[in-house]
């Protein structure tokens, strides 16, 4: 009797032991998500913790990244690979897949291994803002702007500053300012309200402004209602084209940016907005950014930390003239967005070709794709940024 009782118990222990000691067993959920050719499905699996980006997901012990890049039937291989890299896949794995490294993939693989990127991401590794490190795989370039942004958020997370986070993204058009502002709230999974500042004539208009981001769900909520509904919570307010309003319209932001308290009307109760992240986008300082870029000894290489800090100080001068010294003094940091390097331009073109031509690109020999990219690169205008490259890509595709 004692033997029959003990034997099944032993079997159950053995089964549990066998399950635990095989961590490399492929995760079907990740495999199915990749096979569905849906980057968002892959993102959901990884965010839910159902699998790790470093898991095996294919035959012969392939990692998820290798399986993705080797599967030529996936039309969104690049997008899925970027999601995997953003969640910790090792970029070096891609080099083991023959024919997998096109210019865009090469850019993101190299970015995953850069020491300065890992150092800056580590600044907010243990904070609420950690998911923002994934933006490196959704935004080309602006490494120094991201580095400074992460420093600011690290200071805020450690409660080494008493004022709310107010960040101004400025510089030439088409270099990722609005893209970063849009991605900010989505990556943190917090509510976002975007105000088109070009439509405002008074401070009253600001509080009554509806969200204007085409990538957000339509809402009937004004900025005032948004702040009331999210009082004390982490959320994001984007002030797009902030320099397009008169200085006095911004005066209503002095108190929220100074103390984290907001009074919508003289007789109303102050609202707690200390956890709001305020992001402003502006083209102010684009001429200074251009002049600084042209004067660099090696303008086509990544700007150094020292050069970038100097540029930040230079750009604050025209920003102060446009917004006023009292408003600027409440801004946590001004982040200039700089022209793309040659490698960054190449990655943008390669991505655009894949996005617009899809399967056709996978059928082209590498030398022909390189030729198309070179043709598109000739269209780059620093003052227009990625938009000029997109035009160049479209022109190249028309002639195919």
Foldseek 3Di string as FASTA:
>chain_A
DVVVVVVVVVVVVVVVVVVVVCPQPAQAQLLVQLVVLDLVSNLVCVVVVSDALQHQRDPPRQGSLLVLLQPLVRLNSLSNNLSSLLRPHQLVSQVVRPPRDALQSVQSNVLSPDPLLVVLLVLCCPFLQNLLSSCPSVAFDPSLLSSVVSNLVSCVRVVVDQFAAFEEEEAFAARCQVVSLVVRCVSSVAAEAEFAQLPDAALLCQQQGGRDDPVDDGDNAGNVRVLVVQFPHAYEYEYEAVLNYQLNSCVQCLCCLGRQWHDSDPPDDTTRRRNYHYYYYHHQCHVVLVVLLVPDPCSQDRDDNVSQVVSQVVRVVRVCVRNNPSSSVSHPGYGYRHFHHPSSLLSLLVVLCSVPVRSVVVPDDSVVSVVLSVQLVVQDDRNHYSVSSNVSNVVSVVVD
